[in-house]
Structures are given as structure tokens and as C-alpha cells.
Amino acid sequence: MLPKRHEISTDYMLPTKLLEYLAFGIPAIFTPTLTARHYFGNKHPLFLANPTPEETAAKILWVARNYEQAKRLTAELQNRWFSRYHWPKHKQVYLDLLDHLGTR
């Protein structure tokens, strides 16, 4: 679970813990910050839209009671992220950036 308050500073963060959970296929409940919505869409069943104690508890119970569905949803997020941001694909982008910065 990765609840964040909606604030200017948190709206532009993408928790690395979320990416770690995705890498291992672990369902994660997370706040739909601006950055999370950019990468994963505006709506998702694992979003914790209002991180109050009551909603957080309800979402945790939903995942526990619907674990297979939560795993499938996680696999979809995992595929969406890692098919686009996969090191073999982005290694050359990174190296090109370093070359560009080194020539300035």
C-alpha cells in the first residue's frame, strides 16, 4: 500500500516502491497522483482516491477478498510499465543523452 496525500510535492512523484511491487507482481494500492495517472491512466481499481483510514481499510479488504483479480490488475500494470520502460529499450536513449551532455 502506497497512500500519499494529494499535495503539490507528492503529485509529481512516482514511488519506486510501486515499481518494485510491479516488478515482483505484488498488488499495490496507490494514490492516483498526477504522475501515477500519467503512466497508468485516470482510473484503476487499485487506486486509493481518498486515503482516509476507512477507505484504506476498505481497499485492503477488497484486495484480500479479490486477490486473484488484484493479481490480474497488477499484471496489466506491470505489462503497461515494463513493456514501455524496459532497460534494453532505454539503454540507448540513456547513452545518447550522456553523449549529448558530454559534448556540450
N, C-alpha and C. Protein backbone atom coordinates (compact mmCIF):
# COMPACT_ATOMS: atom_id res chain seq x y z
N MET A 1 0.84 -1.16 0.00
CA MET A 1 0.00 0.00 0.00
C MET A 1 0.89 1.23 0.00
N LEU A 2 0.58 2.16 -0.91
CA LEU A 2 1.39 3.36 -1.06
C LEU A 2 0.52 4.61 -1.05
N PRO A 3 -0.15 4.90 0.06
CA PRO A 3 -1.00 6.09 0.09
C PRO A 3 -0.17 7.36 0.24
N LYS A 4 -0.52 8.35 -0.50
CA LYS A 4 0.13 9.67 -0.43
C LYS A 4 -0.98 10.71 -0.36
N ARG A 5 -0.74 11.76 0.38
CA ARG A 5 -1.68 12.88 0.36
C ARG A 5 -1.50 13.64 -0.94
N HIS A 6 -2.61 14.17 -1.43
CA HIS A 6 -2.53 14.99 -2.64
C HIS A 6 -1.99 16.36 -2.26
N GLU A 7 -0.74 16.58 -2.58
CA GLU A 7 -0.08 17.85 -2.36
C GLU A 7 0.76 18.15 -3.59
N ILE A 8 1.18 19.37 -3.73
CA ILE A 8 2.00 19.74 -4.88
C ILE A 8 3.24 18.86 -4.96
N SER A 9 3.88 18.64 -3.84
CA SER A 9 5.13 17.86 -3.85
C SER A 9 4.90 16.40 -4.17
N THR A 10 3.78 15.82 -3.74
CA THR A 10 3.55 14.39 -3.97
C THR A 10 2.90 14.13 -5.32
N ASP A 11 2.27 15.12 -5.91
CA ASP A 11 1.57 14.89 -7.17
C ASP A 11 2.52 14.58 -8.32
N TYR A 12 3.78 14.95 -8.17
CA TYR A 12 4.75 14.72 -9.24
C TYR A 12 5.72 13.58 -8.92
N MET A 13 5.37 12.78 -7.92
CA MET A 13 6.22 11.66 -7.54
C MET A 13 5.65 10.36 -8.10
N LEU A 14 6.54 9.45 -8.45
CA LEU A 14 6.15 8.09 -8.77
C LEU A 14 6.97 7.21 -7.84
N PRO A 15 6.32 6.60 -6.84
CA PRO A 15 7.08 5.86 -5.83
C PRO A 15 7.86 4.70 -6.44
N THR A 16 9.14 4.63 -6.14
CA THR A 16 9.93 3.49 -6.61
C THR A 16 9.43 2.20 -5.97
N LYS A 17 8.85 2.30 -4.79
CA LYS A 17 8.28 1.11 -4.15
C LYS A 17 7.17 0.53 -5.02
N LEU A 18 6.38 1.38 -5.67
CA LEU A 18 5.34 0.89 -6.59
C LEU A 18 5.97 0.10 -7.73
N LEU A 19 7.05 0.62 -8.29
CA LEU A 19 7.73 -0.08 -9.39
C LEU A 19 8.35 -1.39 -8.91
N GLU A 20 8.84 -1.41 -7.69
CA GLU A 20 9.38 -2.65 -7.12
C GLU A 20 8.27 -3.68 -6.96
N TYR A 21 7.12 -3.25 -6.44
CA TYR A 21 5.99 -4.17 -6.30
C TYR A 21 5.56 -4.69 -7.67
N LEU A 22 5.50 -3.81 -8.66
CA LEU A 22 5.14 -4.25 -10.01
C LEU A 22 6.14 -5.27 -10.54
N ALA A 23 7.41 -5.04 -10.31
CA ALA A 23 8.43 -5.96 -10.81
C ALA A 23 8.22 -7.36 -10.24
N PHE A 24 7.75 -7.45 -9.01
CA PHE A 24 7.53 -8.75 -8.38
C PHE A 24 6.09 -9.24 -8.52
N GLY A 25 5.23 -8.45 -9.16
CA GLY A 25 3.83 -8.86 -9.34
C GLY A 25 3.01 -8.79 -8.08
N ILE A 26 3.40 -7.93 -7.15
CA ILE A 26 2.68 -7.78 -5.88
C ILE A 26 1.62 -6.69 -6.03
N PRO A 27 0.35 -6.99 -5.77
CA PRO A 27 -0.66 -5.94 -5.85
C PRO A 27 -0.36 -4.80 -4.88
N ALA A 28 -0.47 -3.59 -5.37
CA ALA A 28 -0.21 -2.41 -4.55
C ALA A 28 -1.36 -1.44 -4.70
N ILE A 29 -1.85 -0.97 -3.58
CA ILE A 29 -2.86 0.07 -3.57
C ILE A 29 -2.10 1.39 -3.55
N PHE A 30 -2.43 2.29 -4.48
CA PHE A 30 -1.65 3.53 -4.53
C PHE A 30 -2.53 4.71 -4.89
N THR A 31 -2.08 5.86 -4.47
CA THR A 31 -2.81 7.11 -4.69
C THR A 31 -2.65 7.55 -6.14
N PRO A 32 -3.75 7.95 -6.78
CA PRO A 32 -3.67 8.38 -8.18
C PRO A 32 -3.13 9.80 -8.30
N THR A 33 -1.85 9.95 -8.02
CA THR A 33 -1.22 11.26 -8.19
C THR A 33 -1.20 11.60 -9.68
N LEU A 34 -0.86 12.82 -9.98
CA LEU A 34 -0.77 13.25 -11.37
C LEU A 34 0.17 12.34 -12.15
N THR A 35 1.30 12.01 -11.56
CA THR A 35 2.28 11.16 -12.23
C THR A 35 1.77 9.74 -12.40
N ALA A 36 1.14 9.18 -11.37
CA ALA A 36 0.58 7.82 -11.47
C ALA A 36 -0.48 7.77 -12.57
N ARG A 37 -1.33 8.79 -12.64
CA ARG A 37 -2.36 8.81 -13.69
C ARG A 37 -1.73 8.95 -15.08
N HIS A 38 -0.63 9.68 -15.17
CA HIS A 38 0.06 9.82 -16.45
C HIS A 38 0.50 8.45 -16.97
N TYR A 39 1.06 7.64 -16.10
CA TYR A 39 1.60 6.35 -16.53
C TYR A 39 0.56 5.23 -16.55
N PHE A 40 -0.45 5.29 -15.70
CA PHE A 40 -1.36 4.17 -15.54
C PHE A 40 -2.82 4.49 -15.83
N GLY A 41 -3.12 5.68 -16.34
CA GLY A 41 -4.49 6.03 -16.67
C GLY A 41 -5.19 6.78 -15.55
N ASN A 42 -6.35 7.32 -15.87
CA ASN A 42 -7.07 8.15 -14.89
C ASN A 42 -7.86 7.35 -13.88
N LYS A 43 -8.19 6.11 -14.20
CA LYS A 43 -8.97 5.29 -13.27
C LYS A 43 -8.34 3.91 -13.21
N HIS A 44 -8.31 3.36 -12.03
CA HIS A 44 -7.83 1.99 -11.87
C HIS A 44 -8.37 1.46 -10.54
N PRO A 45 -8.80 0.20 -10.51
CA PRO A 45 -9.35 -0.34 -9.27
C PRO A 45 -8.38 -0.36 -8.09
N LEU A 46 -7.09 -0.30 -8.33
CA LEU A 46 -6.12 -0.30 -7.23
C LEU A 46 -5.78 1.11 -6.75
N PHE A 47 -6.34 2.13 -7.39
CA PHE A 47 -6.14 3.50 -6.91
C PHE A 47 -6.84 3.69 -5.58
N LEU A 48 -6.21 4.42 -4.71
CA LEU A 48 -6.79 4.82 -3.43
C LEU A 48 -7.09 6.31 -3.54
N ALA A 49 -8.27 6.62 -4.05
CA ALA A 49 -8.61 8.00 -4.38
C ALA A 49 -8.63 8.92 -3.16
N ASN A 50 -9.07 8.41 -2.03
CA ASN A 50 -9.18 9.22 -0.83
C ASN A 50 -8.53 8.46 0.32
N PRO A 51 -7.26 8.75 0.62
CA PRO A 51 -6.54 7.93 1.60
C PRO A 51 -6.94 8.16 3.05
N THR A 52 -8.24 8.05 3.31
CA THR A 52 -8.70 8.10 4.70
C THR A 52 -8.52 6.71 5.31
N PRO A 53 -8.49 6.61 6.61
CA PRO A 53 -8.37 5.29 7.23
C PRO A 53 -9.48 4.33 6.79
N GLU A 54 -10.70 4.85 6.64
CA GLU A 54 -11.83 4.00 6.26
C GLU A 54 -11.67 3.47 4.83
N GLU A 55 -11.33 4.37 3.90
CA GLU A 55 -11.18 3.92 2.51
C GLU A 55 -9.97 3.01 2.36
N THR A 56 -8.91 3.31 3.08
CA THR A 56 -7.72 2.47 3.03
C THR A 56 -8.05 1.06 3.50
N ALA A 57 -8.75 0.96 4.63
CA ALA A 57 -9.15 -0.35 5.15
C ALA A 57 -10.06 -1.08 4.16
N ALA A 58 -11.00 -0.35 3.57
CA ALA A 58 -11.92 -0.97 2.60
C ALA A 58 -11.16 -1.48 1.38
N LYS A 59 -10.18 -0.73 0.91
CA LYS A 59 -9.41 -1.14 -0.26
C LYS A 59 -8.54 -2.36 0.06
N ILE A 60 -7.95 -2.38 1.25
CA ILE A 60 -7.16 -3.54 1.67
C ILE A 60 -8.05 -4.78 1.72
N LEU A 61 -9.23 -4.64 2.28
CA LEU A 61 -10.17 -5.77 2.32
C LEU A 61 -10.58 -6.21 0.92
N TRP A 62 -10.79 -5.26 0.03
CA TRP A 62 -11.15 -5.61 -1.35
C TRP A 62 -10.04 -6.45 -1.99
N VAL A 63 -8.79 -6.03 -1.82
CA VAL A 63 -7.67 -6.79 -2.39
C VAL A 63 -7.61 -8.18 -1.77
N ALA A 64 -7.78 -8.27 -0.45
CA ALA A 64 -7.72 -9.57 0.22
C ALA A 64 -8.84 -10.49 -0.26
N ARG A 65 -10.01 -9.95 -0.46
CA ARG A 65 -11.17 -10.76 -0.89
C ARG A 65 -11.17 -11.05 -2.39
N ASN A 66 -10.46 -10.25 -3.14
CA ASN A 66 -10.42 -10.39 -4.61
C ASN A 66 -8.98 -10.51 -5.08
N TYR A 67 -8.21 -11.34 -4.39
CA TYR A 67 -6.78 -11.37 -4.63
C TYR A 67 -6.42 -11.79 -6.06
N GLU A 68 -7.12 -12.75 -6.62
CA GLU A 68 -6.81 -13.17 -7.99
C GLU A 68 -7.08 -12.03 -8.98
N GLN A 69 -8.16 -11.31 -8.79
CA GLN A 69 -8.44 -10.15 -9.65
C GLN A 69 -7.38 -9.07 -9.44
N ALA A 70 -6.98 -8.84 -8.20
CA ALA A 70 -5.93 -7.85 -7.92
C ALA A 70 -4.62 -8.26 -8.58
N LYS A 71 -4.31 -9.55 -8.60
CA LYS A 71 -3.10 -10.04 -9.27
C LYS A 71 -3.19 -9.80 -10.77
N ARG A 72 -4.36 -10.03 -11.37
CA ARG A 72 -4.54 -9.77 -12.81
C ARG A 72 -4.39 -8.27 -13.11
N LEU A 73 -4.98 -7.43 -12.28
CA LEU A 73 -4.84 -5.99 -12.46
C LEU A 73 -3.38 -5.55 -12.33
N THR A 74 -2.68 -6.17 -11.40
CA THR A 74 -1.26 -5.88 -11.22
C THR A 74 -0.46 -6.31 -12.44
N ALA A 75 -0.80 -7.46 -13.00
CA ALA A 75 -0.11 -7.95 -14.20
C ALA A 75 -0.33 -6.98 -15.37
N GLU A 76 -1.52 -6.41 -15.46
CA GLU A 76 -1.79 -5.42 -16.52
C GLU A 76 -0.92 -4.17 -16.33
N LEU A 77 -0.84 -3.68 -15.08
CA LEU A 77 0.01 -2.52 -14.80
C LEU A 77 1.47 -2.85 -15.06
N GLN A 78 1.87 -4.04 -14.66
CA GLN A 78 3.24 -4.50 -14.86
C GLN A 78 3.58 -4.50 -16.35
N ASN A 79 2.70 -5.04 -17.15
CA ASN A 79 2.92 -5.09 -18.59
C ASN A 79 2.95 -3.68 -19.18
N ARG A 80 2.04 -2.83 -18.75
CA ARG A 80 1.99 -1.46 -19.26
C ARG A 80 3.30 -0.72 -18.98
N TRP A 81 3.82 -0.88 -17.77
CA TRP A 81 5.04 -0.18 -17.40
C TRP A 81 6.27 -0.79 -18.06
N PHE A 82 6.47 -2.11 -17.87
CA PHE A 82 7.72 -2.72 -18.29
C PHE A 82 7.81 -2.97 -19.79
N SER A 83 6.70 -2.97 -20.49
CA SER A 83 6.80 -3.07 -21.94
C SER A 83 7.28 -1.75 -22.54
N ARG A 84 7.02 -0.68 -21.84
CA ARG A 84 7.44 0.64 -22.33
C ARG A 84 8.78 1.08 -21.75
N TYR A 85 8.99 0.82 -20.46
CA TYR A 85 10.20 1.28 -19.78
C TYR A 85 11.04 0.07 -19.37
N HIS A 86 11.63 -0.54 -20.36
CA HIS A 86 12.43 -1.73 -20.17
C HIS A 86 13.88 -1.38 -20.52
N TRP A 87 14.82 -1.77 -19.66
CA TRP A 87 16.20 -1.34 -19.82
C TRP A 87 16.76 -1.60 -21.22
N PRO A 88 16.59 -2.77 -21.81
CA PRO A 88 17.15 -2.95 -23.16
C PRO A 88 16.64 -1.92 -24.17
N LYS A 89 15.42 -1.46 -23.99
CA LYS A 89 14.87 -0.44 -24.89
C LYS A 89 15.43 0.95 -24.59
N HIS A 90 15.67 1.23 -23.33
CA HIS A 90 16.06 2.58 -22.94
C HIS A 90 17.55 2.76 -22.70
N LYS A 91 18.30 1.70 -22.79
CA LYS A 91 19.74 1.81 -22.61
C LYS A 91 20.34 2.79 -23.62
N GLN A 92 19.94 2.66 -24.89
CA GLN A 92 20.50 3.54 -25.92
C GLN A 92 20.04 4.98 -25.73
N VAL A 93 18.81 5.18 -25.29
CA VAL A 93 18.32 6.53 -25.00
C VAL A 93 19.20 7.17 -23.93
N TYR A 94 19.50 6.41 -22.90
CA TYR A 94 20.34 6.91 -21.81
C TYR A 94 21.76 7.22 -22.30
N LEU A 95 22.33 6.30 -23.06
CA LEU A 95 23.68 6.50 -23.57
C LEU A 95 23.74 7.71 -24.51
N ASP A 96 22.72 7.86 -25.35
CA ASP A 96 22.67 9.03 -26.24
C ASP A 96 22.60 10.33 -25.46
N LEU A 97 21.83 10.32 -24.38
CA LEU A 97 21.73 11.51 -23.53
C LEU A 97 23.08 11.85 -22.92
N LEU A 98 23.78 10.84 -22.42
CA LEU A 98 25.11 11.08 -21.85
C LEU A 98 26.07 11.62 -22.89
N ASP A 99 26.01 11.06 -24.10
CA ASP A 99 26.87 11.58 -25.19
C ASP A 99 26.54 13.04 -25.48
N HIS A 100 25.26 13.33 -25.54
CA HIS A 100 24.83 14.71 -25.83
C HIS A 100 25.30 15.67 -24.73
N LEU A 101 25.14 15.27 -23.51
CA LEU A 101 25.56 16.12 -22.39
C LEU A 101 27.08 16.27 -22.35
N GLY A 102 27.79 15.22 -22.74
CA GLY A 102 29.25 15.25 -22.73
C GLY A 102 29.83 16.14 -23.82
N THR A 103 29.07 16.39 -24.90
CA THR A 103 29.58 17.20 -25.98
C THR A 103 29.26 18.68 -25.80
N ARG A 104 28.48 19.01 -24.79
CA ARG A 104 28.10 20.40 -24.57
C ARG A 104 29.18 21.09 -23.90
